[in-house]
Amino acid sequence: MEKKDLERVQTYMRRLFSNAQLRVVARPKKKDSAEVYLGDEFIGVLFEDKEDGDLSYNFQMAILDTDLED
């Protein structure tokens, strides 16, 4: 993903979730996706989807059963 696209999506996600600690970071070996962090904690992957001339982004976040324990 291009740096300008990472910044645009990061700005959108920060505004959407009201959290300035959210970061969208390029992946070293993948060009069609980025990693999403909340502070220093990895929370998911953002995929770029270019289909039929349209561009969209898909955010995928896994929630483990162990994460739900108190």
PDB file of N, CA and C in Angstrom:
ATOM      1  N   MET A   1       0.845  -1.180   0.000  1.00  0.00           N
ATOM      2  CA  MET A   1       0.000   0.000   0.000  1.00  0.00           C
ATOM      3  C   MET A   1       0.889   1.241   0.000  1.00  0.00           C
ATOM      4  N   GLU A   2       0.435   2.257  -0.653  1.00  0.00           N
ATOM      5  CA  GLU A   2       1.162   3.524  -0.715  1.00  0.00           C
ATOM      6  C   GLU A   2       1.107   4.237   0.636  1.00  0.00           C
ATOM      7  N   LYS A   3       2.155   4.989   0.943  1.00  0.00           N
ATOM      8  CA  LYS A   3       2.220   5.715   2.213  1.00  0.00           C
ATOM      9  C   LYS A   3       1.023   6.655   2.387  1.00  0.00           C
ATOM     10  N   LYS A   4       0.639   7.346   1.317  1.00  0.00           N
ATOM     11  CA  LYS A   4      -0.498   8.278   1.407  1.00  0.00           C
ATOM     12  C   LYS A   4      -1.803   7.538   1.710  1.00  0.00           C
ATOM     13  N   ASP A   5      -1.945   6.322   1.180  1.00  0.00           N
ATOM     14  CA  ASP A   5      -3.144   5.526   1.458  1.00  0.00           C
ATOM     15  C   ASP A   5      -3.159   5.053   2.907  1.00  0.00           C
ATOM     16  N   LEU A   6      -1.986   4.637   3.415  1.00  0.00           N
ATOM     17  CA  LEU A   6      -1.886   4.239   4.824  1.00  0.00           C
ATOM     18  C   LEU A   6      -2.299   5.388   5.732  1.00  0.00           C
ATOM     19  N   GLU A   7      -1.819   6.582   5.419  1.00  0.00           N
ATOM     20  CA  GLU A   7      -2.137   7.763   6.233  1.00  0.00           C
ATOM     21  C   GLU A   7      -3.618   8.106   6.168  1.00  0.00           C
ATOM     22  N   ARG A   8      -4.217   8.018   4.979  1.00  0.00           N
ATOM     23  CA  ARG A   8      -5.650   8.318   4.828  1.00  0.00           C
ATOM     24  C   ARG A   8      -6.512   7.348   5.630  1.00  0.00           C
ATOM     25  N   VAL A   9      -6.184   6.047   5.544  1.00  0.00           N
ATOM     26  CA  VAL A   9      -6.961   5.048   6.273  1.00  0.00           C
ATOM     27  C   VAL A   9      -6.735   5.200   7.775  1.00  0.00           C
ATOM     28  N   GLN A  10      -5.505   5.484   8.188  1.00  0.00           N
ATOM     29  CA  GLN A  10      -5.213   5.694   9.607  1.00  0.00           C
ATOM     30  C   GLN A  10      -6.011   6.877  10.155  1.00  0.00           C
ATOM     31  N   THR A  11      -6.058   7.965   9.423  1.00  0.00           N
ATOM     32  CA  THR A  11      -6.829   9.136   9.848  1.00  0.00           C
ATOM     33  C   THR A  11      -8.308   8.784   9.983  1.00  0.00           C
ATOM     34  N   TYR A  12      -8.826   8.056   9.018  1.00  0.00           N
ATOM     35  CA  TYR A  12     -10.234   7.647   9.060  1.00  0.00           C
ATOM     36  C   TYR A  12     -10.514   6.757  10.277  1.00  0.00           C
ATOM     37  N   MET A  13      -9.658   5.751  10.502  1.00  0.00           N
ATOM     38  CA  MET A  13      -9.880   4.818  11.607  1.00  0.00           C
ATOM     39  C   MET A  13      -9.735   5.520  12.961  1.00  0.00           C
ATOM     40  N   ARG A  14      -8.791   6.444  13.081  1.00  0.00           N
ATOM     41  CA  ARG A  14      -8.642   7.196  14.331  1.00  0.00           C
ATOM     42  C   ARG A  14      -9.901   7.999  14.626  1.00  0.00           C
ATOM     43  N   ARG A  15     -10.449   8.625  13.585  1.00  0.00           N
ATOM     44  CA  ARG A  15     -11.668   9.421  13.758  1.00  0.00           C
ATOM     45  C   ARG A  15     -12.862   8.509  14.063  1.00  0.00           C
ATOM     46  N   LEU A  16     -12.984   7.407  13.330  1.00  0.00           N
ATOM     47  CA  LEU A  16     -14.099   6.476  13.503  1.00  0.00           C
ATOM     48  C   LEU A  16     -14.139   5.884  14.909  1.00  0.00           C
ATOM     49  N   PHE A  17     -12.971   5.476  15.427  1.00  0.00           N
ATOM     50  CA  PHE A  17     -12.898   4.837  16.736  1.00  0.00           C
ATOM     51  C   PHE A  17     -12.528   5.806  17.855  1.00  0.00           C
ATOM     52  N   SER A  18     -12.405   7.085  17.532  1.00  0.00           N
ATOM     53  CA  SER A  18     -12.060   8.122  18.524  1.00  0.00           C
ATOM     54  C   SER A  18     -10.832   7.716  19.343  1.00  0.00           C
ATOM     55  N   ASN A  19      -9.779   7.313  18.630  1.00  0.00           N
ATOM     56  CA  ASN A  19      -8.588   6.856  19.320  1.00  0.00           C
ATOM     57  C   ASN A  19      -7.338   7.212  18.510  1.00  0.00           C
ATOM     58  N   ALA A  20      -6.569   8.176  19.016  1.00  0.00           N
ATOM     59  CA  ALA A  20      -5.368   8.643  18.343  1.00  0.00           C
ATOM     60  C   ALA A  20      -4.211   7.658  18.453  1.00  0.00           C
ATOM     61  N   GLN A  21      -4.350   6.620  19.276  1.00  0.00           N
ATOM     62  CA  GLN A  21      -3.278   5.628  19.426  1.00  0.00           C
ATOM     63  C   GLN A  21      -3.301   4.563  18.325  1.00  0.00           C
ATOM     64  N   LEU A  22      -4.324   4.565  17.499  1.00  0.00           N
ATOM     65  CA  LEU A  22      -4.443   3.592  16.429  1.00  0.00           C
ATOM     66  C   LEU A  22      -3.423   3.911  15.335  1.00  0.00           C
ATOM     67  N   ARG A  23      -2.665   2.903  14.902  1.00  0.00           N
ATOM     68  CA  ARG A  23      -1.645   3.093  13.869  1.00  0.00           C
ATOM     69  C   ARG A  23      -1.811   2.067  12.757  1.00  0.00           C
ATOM     70  N   VAL A  24      -1.662   2.518  11.511  1.00  0.00           N
ATOM     71  CA  VAL A  24      -1.677   1.641  10.345  1.00  0.00           C
ATOM     72  C   VAL A  24      -0.258   1.645   9.785  1.00  0.00           C
ATOM     73  N   VAL A  25       0.361   0.453   9.761  1.00  0.00           N
ATOM     74  CA  VAL A  25       1.780   0.331   9.437  1.00  0.00           C
ATOM     75  C   VAL A  25       1.972  -0.616   8.251  1.00  0.00           C
ATOM     76  N   ALA A  26       2.812  -0.211   7.296  1.00  0.00           N
ATOM     77  CA  ALA A  26       3.105  -1.049   6.136  1.00  0.00           C
ATOM     78  C   ALA A  26       3.730  -2.369   6.571  1.00  0.00           C
ATOM     79  N   ARG A  27       3.419  -3.412   5.840  1.00  0.00           N
ATOM     80  CA  ARG A  27       4.027  -4.729   6.077  1.00  0.00           C
ATOM     81  C   ARG A  27       5.273  -4.832   5.191  1.00  0.00           C
ATOM     82  N   PRO A  28       6.361  -5.339   5.729  1.00  0.00           N
ATOM     83  CA  PRO A  28       7.613  -5.347   4.972  1.00  0.00           C
ATOM     84  C   PRO A  28       7.591  -6.176   3.688  1.00  0.00           C
ATOM     85  N   LYS A  29       6.894  -7.302   3.670  1.00  0.00           N
ATOM     86  CA  LYS A  29       6.933  -8.189   2.506  1.00  0.00           C
ATOM     87  C   LYS A  29       5.632  -8.245   1.716  1.00  0.00           C
ATOM     88  N   LYS A  30       4.621  -7.513   2.159  1.00  0.00           N
ATOM     89  CA  LYS A  30       3.321  -7.521   1.483  1.00  0.00           C
ATOM     90  C   LYS A  30       2.985  -6.105   1.029  1.00  0.00           C
ATOM     91  N   LYS A  31       2.546  -5.967  -0.210  1.00  0.00           N
ATOM     92  CA  LYS A  31       2.226  -4.645  -0.756  1.00  0.00           C
ATOM     93  C   LYS A  31       0.731  -4.361  -0.772  1.00  0.00           C
ATOM     94  N   ASP A  32      -0.103  -5.388  -0.549  1.00  0.00           N
ATOM     95  CA  ASP A  32      -1.554  -5.211  -0.638  1.00  0.00           C
ATOM     96  C   ASP A  32      -2.224  -5.159   0.729  1.00  0.00           C
ATOM     97  N   SER A  33      -1.421  -5.055   1.799  1.00  0.00           N
ATOM     98  CA  SER A  33      -2.005  -5.044   3.135  1.00  0.00           C
ATOM     99  C   SER A  33      -1.104  -4.290   4.105  1.00  0.00           C
ATOM    100  N   ALA A  34      -1.672  -4.006   5.291  1.00  0.00           N
ATOM    101  CA  ALA A  34      -0.942  -3.294   6.342  1.00  0.00           C
ATOM    102  C   ALA A  34      -1.359  -3.868   7.688  1.00  0.00           C
ATOM    103  N   GLU A  35      -0.546  -3.615   8.692  1.00  0.00           N
ATOM    104  CA  GLU A  35      -0.864  -4.055  10.051  1.00  0.00           C
ATOM    105  C   GLU A  35      -1.483  -2.895  10.819  1.00  0.00           C
ATOM    106  N   VAL A  36      -2.418  -3.214  11.710  1.00  0.00           N
ATOM    107  CA  VAL A  36      -3.085  -2.201  12.520  1.00  0.00           C
ATOM    108  C   VAL A  36      -2.733  -2.454  13.983  1.00  0.00           C
ATOM    109  N   TYR A  37      -2.315  -1.394  14.653  1.00  0.00           N
ATOM    110  CA  TYR A  37      -1.912  -1.460  16.060  1.00  0.00           C
ATOM    111  C   TYR A  37      -2.730  -0.486  16.878  1.00  0.00           C
ATOM    112  N   LEU A  38      -2.964  -0.851  18.123  1.00  0.00           N
ATOM    113  CA  LEU A  38      -3.532   0.052  19.115  1.00  0.00           C
ATOM    114  C   LEU A  38      -2.432   0.231  20.147  1.00  0.00           C
ATOM    115  N   GLY A  39      -1.765   1.377  20.107  1.00  0.00           N
ATOM    116  CA  GLY A  39      -0.550   1.548  20.890  1.00  0.00           C
ATOM    117  C   GLY A  39       0.496   0.607  20.324  1.00  0.00           C
ATOM    118  N   ASP A  40       1.060  -0.256  21.169  1.00  0.00           N
ATOM    119  CA  ASP A  40       2.058  -1.230  20.720  1.00  0.00           C
ATOM    120  C   ASP A  40       1.462  -2.604  20.432  1.00  0.00           C
ATOM    121  N   GLU A  41       0.153  -2.762  20.655  1.00  0.00           N
ATOM    122  CA  GLU A  41      -0.483  -4.071  20.488  1.00  0.00           C
ATOM    123  C   GLU A  41      -1.052  -4.243  19.085  1.00  0.00           C
ATOM    124  N   PHE A  42      -0.632  -5.302  18.410  1.00  0.00           N
ATOM    125  CA  PHE A  42      -1.160  -5.651  17.102  1.00  0.00           C
ATOM    126  C   PHE A  42      -2.617  -6.076  17.260  1.00  0.00           C
ATOM    127  N   ILE A  43      -3.514  -5.486  16.460  1.00  0.00           N
ATOM    128  CA  ILE A  43      -4.930  -5.846  16.581  1.00  0.00           C
ATOM    129  C   ILE A  43      -5.538  -6.407  15.297  1.00  0.00           C
ATOM    130  N   GLY A  44      -4.860  -6.251  14.168  1.00  0.00           N
ATOM    131  CA  GLY A  44      -5.449  -6.801  12.952  1.00  0.00           C
ATOM    132  C   GLY A  44      -4.695  -6.427  11.693  1.00  0.00           C
ATOM    133  N   VAL A  45      -5.269  -6.858  10.569  1.00  0.00           N
ATOM    134  CA  VAL A  45      -4.666  -6.623   9.258  1.00  0.00           C
ATOM    135  C   VAL A  45      -5.671  -5.876   8.386  1.00  0.00           C
ATOM    136  N   LEU A  46      -5.160  -4.925   7.639  1.00  0.00           N
ATOM    137  CA  LEU A  46      -5.962  -4.142   6.712  1.00  0.00           C
ATOM    138  C   LEU A  46      -5.579  -4.559   5.296  1.00  0.00           C
ATOM    139  N   PHE A  47      -6.552  -4.994   4.511  1.00  0.00           N
ATOM    140  CA  PHE A  47      -6.295  -5.440   3.147  1.00  0.00           C
ATOM    141  C   PHE A  47      -6.832  -4.417   2.156  1.00  0.00           C
ATOM    142  N   GLU A  48      -6.062  -4.167   1.114  1.00  0.00           N
ATOM    143  CA  GLU A  48      -6.485  -3.291   0.025  1.00  0.00           C
ATOM    144  C   GLU A  48      -7.166  -4.161  -1.025  1.00  0.00           C
ATOM    145  N   ASP A  49      -8.338  -3.743  -1.495  1.00  0.00           N
ATOM    146  CA  ASP A  49      -9.111  -4.522  -2.462  1.00  0.00           C
ATOM    147  C   ASP A  49      -9.405  -3.647  -3.675  1.00  0.00           C
ATOM    148  N   LYS A  50      -8.754  -3.974  -4.792  1.00  0.00           N
ATOM    149  CA  LYS A  50      -8.992  -3.260  -6.044  1.00  0.00           C
ATOM    150  C   LYS A  50      -9.745  -4.201  -6.979  1.00  0.00           C
ATOM    151  N   GLU A  51     -11.023  -3.897  -7.169  1.00  0.00           N
ATOM    152  CA  GLU A  51     -11.848  -4.765  -8.005  1.00  0.00           C
ATOM    153  C   GLU A  51     -12.724  -3.920  -8.915  1.00  0.00           C
ATOM    154  N   ASP A  52     -12.710  -4.245 -10.195  1.00  0.00           N
ATOM    155  CA  ASP A  52     -13.540  -3.546 -11.195  1.00  0.00           C
ATOM    156  C   ASP A  52     -13.339  -2.039 -11.155  1.00  0.00           C
ATOM    157  N   GLY A  53     -12.109  -1.598 -10.911  1.00  0.00           N
ATOM    158  CA  GLY A  53     -11.814  -0.171 -10.888  1.00  0.00           C
ATOM    159  C   GLY A  53     -12.169   0.520  -9.586  1.00  0.00           C
ATOM    160  N   ASP A  54     -12.758  -0.207  -8.639  1.00  0.00           N
ATOM    161  CA  ASP A  54     -13.107   0.361  -7.335  1.00  0.00           C
ATOM    162  C   ASP A  54     -12.034  -0.023  -6.319  1.00  0.00           C
ATOM    163  N   LEU A  55     -11.825   0.851  -5.351  1.00  0.00           N
ATOM    164  CA  LEU A  55     -10.851   0.609  -4.295  1.00  0.00           C
ATOM    165  C   LEU A  55     -11.567   0.612  -2.954  1.00  0.00           C
ATOM    166  N   SER A  56     -11.316  -0.417  -2.155  1.00  0.00           N
ATOM    167  CA  SER A  56     -11.863  -0.467  -0.799  1.00  0.00           C
ATOM    168  C   SER A  56     -10.819  -1.114   0.105  1.00  0.00           C
ATOM    169  N   TYR A  57     -11.060  -1.006   1.407  1.00  0.00           N
ATOM    170  CA  TYR A  57     -10.152  -1.564   2.401  1.00  0.00           C
ATOM    171  C   TYR A  57     -10.953  -2.449   3.344  1.00  0.00           C
ATOM    172  N   ASN A  58     -10.414  -3.601   3.664  1.00  0.00           N
ATOM    173  CA  ASN A  58     -11.073  -4.548   4.564  1.00  0.00           C
ATOM    174  C   ASN A  58     -10.201  -4.733   5.793  1.00  0.00           C
ATOM    175  N   PHE A  59     -10.782  -4.489   6.965  1.00  0.00           N
ATOM    176  CA  PHE A  59     -10.067  -4.641   8.230  1.00  0.00           C
ATOM    177  C   PHE A  59     -10.459  -5.975   8.847  1.00  0.00           C
ATOM    178  N   GLN A  60      -9.474  -6.818   9.131  1.00  0.00           N
ATOM    179  CA  GLN A  60      -9.719  -8.134   9.715  1.00  0.00           C
ATOM    180  C   GLN A  60      -9.066  -8.201  11.088  1.00  0.00           C
ATOM    181  N   MET A  61      -9.888  -8.517  12.101  1.00  0.00           N
ATOM    182  CA  MET A  61      -9.410  -8.589  13.480  1.00  0.00           C
ATOM    183  C   MET A  61      -9.901  -9.885  14.095  1.00  0.00           C
ATOM    184  N   ALA A  62      -8.971 -10.662  14.625  1.00  0.00           N
ATOM    185  CA  ALA A  62      -9.326 -11.914  15.294  1.00  0.00           C
ATOM    186  C   ALA A  62      -9.414 -11.660  16.796  1.00  0.00           C
ATOM    187  N   ILE A  63     -10.429 -12.214  17.424  1.00  0.00           N
ATOM    188  CA  ILE A  63     -10.584 -12.125  18.885  1.00  0.00           C
ATOM    189  C   ILE A  63     -10.502 -13.553  19.416  1.00  0.00           C
ATOM    190  N   LEU A  64      -9.420 -13.821  20.140  1.00  0.00           N
ATOM    191  CA  LEU A  64      -9.210 -15.159  20.691  1.00  0.00           C
ATOM    192  C   LEU A  64     -10.053 -15.365  21.948  1.00  0.00           C
ATOM    193  N   ASP A  65     -10.445 -16.575  22.175  1.00  0.00           N
ATOM    194  CA  ASP A  65     -11.210 -16.911  23.365  1.00  0.00           C
ATOM    195  C   ASP A  65     -10.455 -16.499  24.630  1.00  0.00           C
ATOM    196  N   THR A  66      -9.133 -16.662  24.627  1.00  0.00           N
ATOM    197  CA  THR A  66      -8.336 -16.294  25.804  1.00  0.00           C
ATOM    198  C   THR A  66      -8.331 -14.785  26.050  1.00  0.00           C
ATOM    199  N   ASP A  67      -8.582 -14.009  24.987  1.00  0.00           N
ATOM    200  CA  ASP A  67      -8.679 -12.548  25.154  1.00  0.00           C
ATOM    201  C   ASP A  67      -9.915 -12.148  25.924  1.00  0.00           C
ATOM    202  N   LEU A  68     -10.922 -13.002  25.951  1.00  0.00           N
ATOM    203  CA  LEU A  68     -12.195 -12.675  26.591  1.00  0.00           C
ATOM    204  C   LEU A  68     -12.213 -12.988  28.087  1.00  0.00           C
ATOM    205  N   GLU A  69     -11.179 -13.662  28.543  1.00  0.00           N
ATOM    206  CA  GLU A  69     -11.119 -14.016  29.971  1.00  0.00           C
ATOM    207  C   GLU A  69     -10.775 -12.796  30.804  1.00  0.00           C
ATOM    208  N   ASP A  70     -11.370 -12.698  32.000  1.00  0.00           N
ATOM    209  CA  ASP A  70     -11.110 -11.580  32.898  1.00  0.00           C
ATOM    210  C   ASP A  70      -9.776 -11.717  33.592  1.00  0.00           C
TER     211      ASP A  70
END
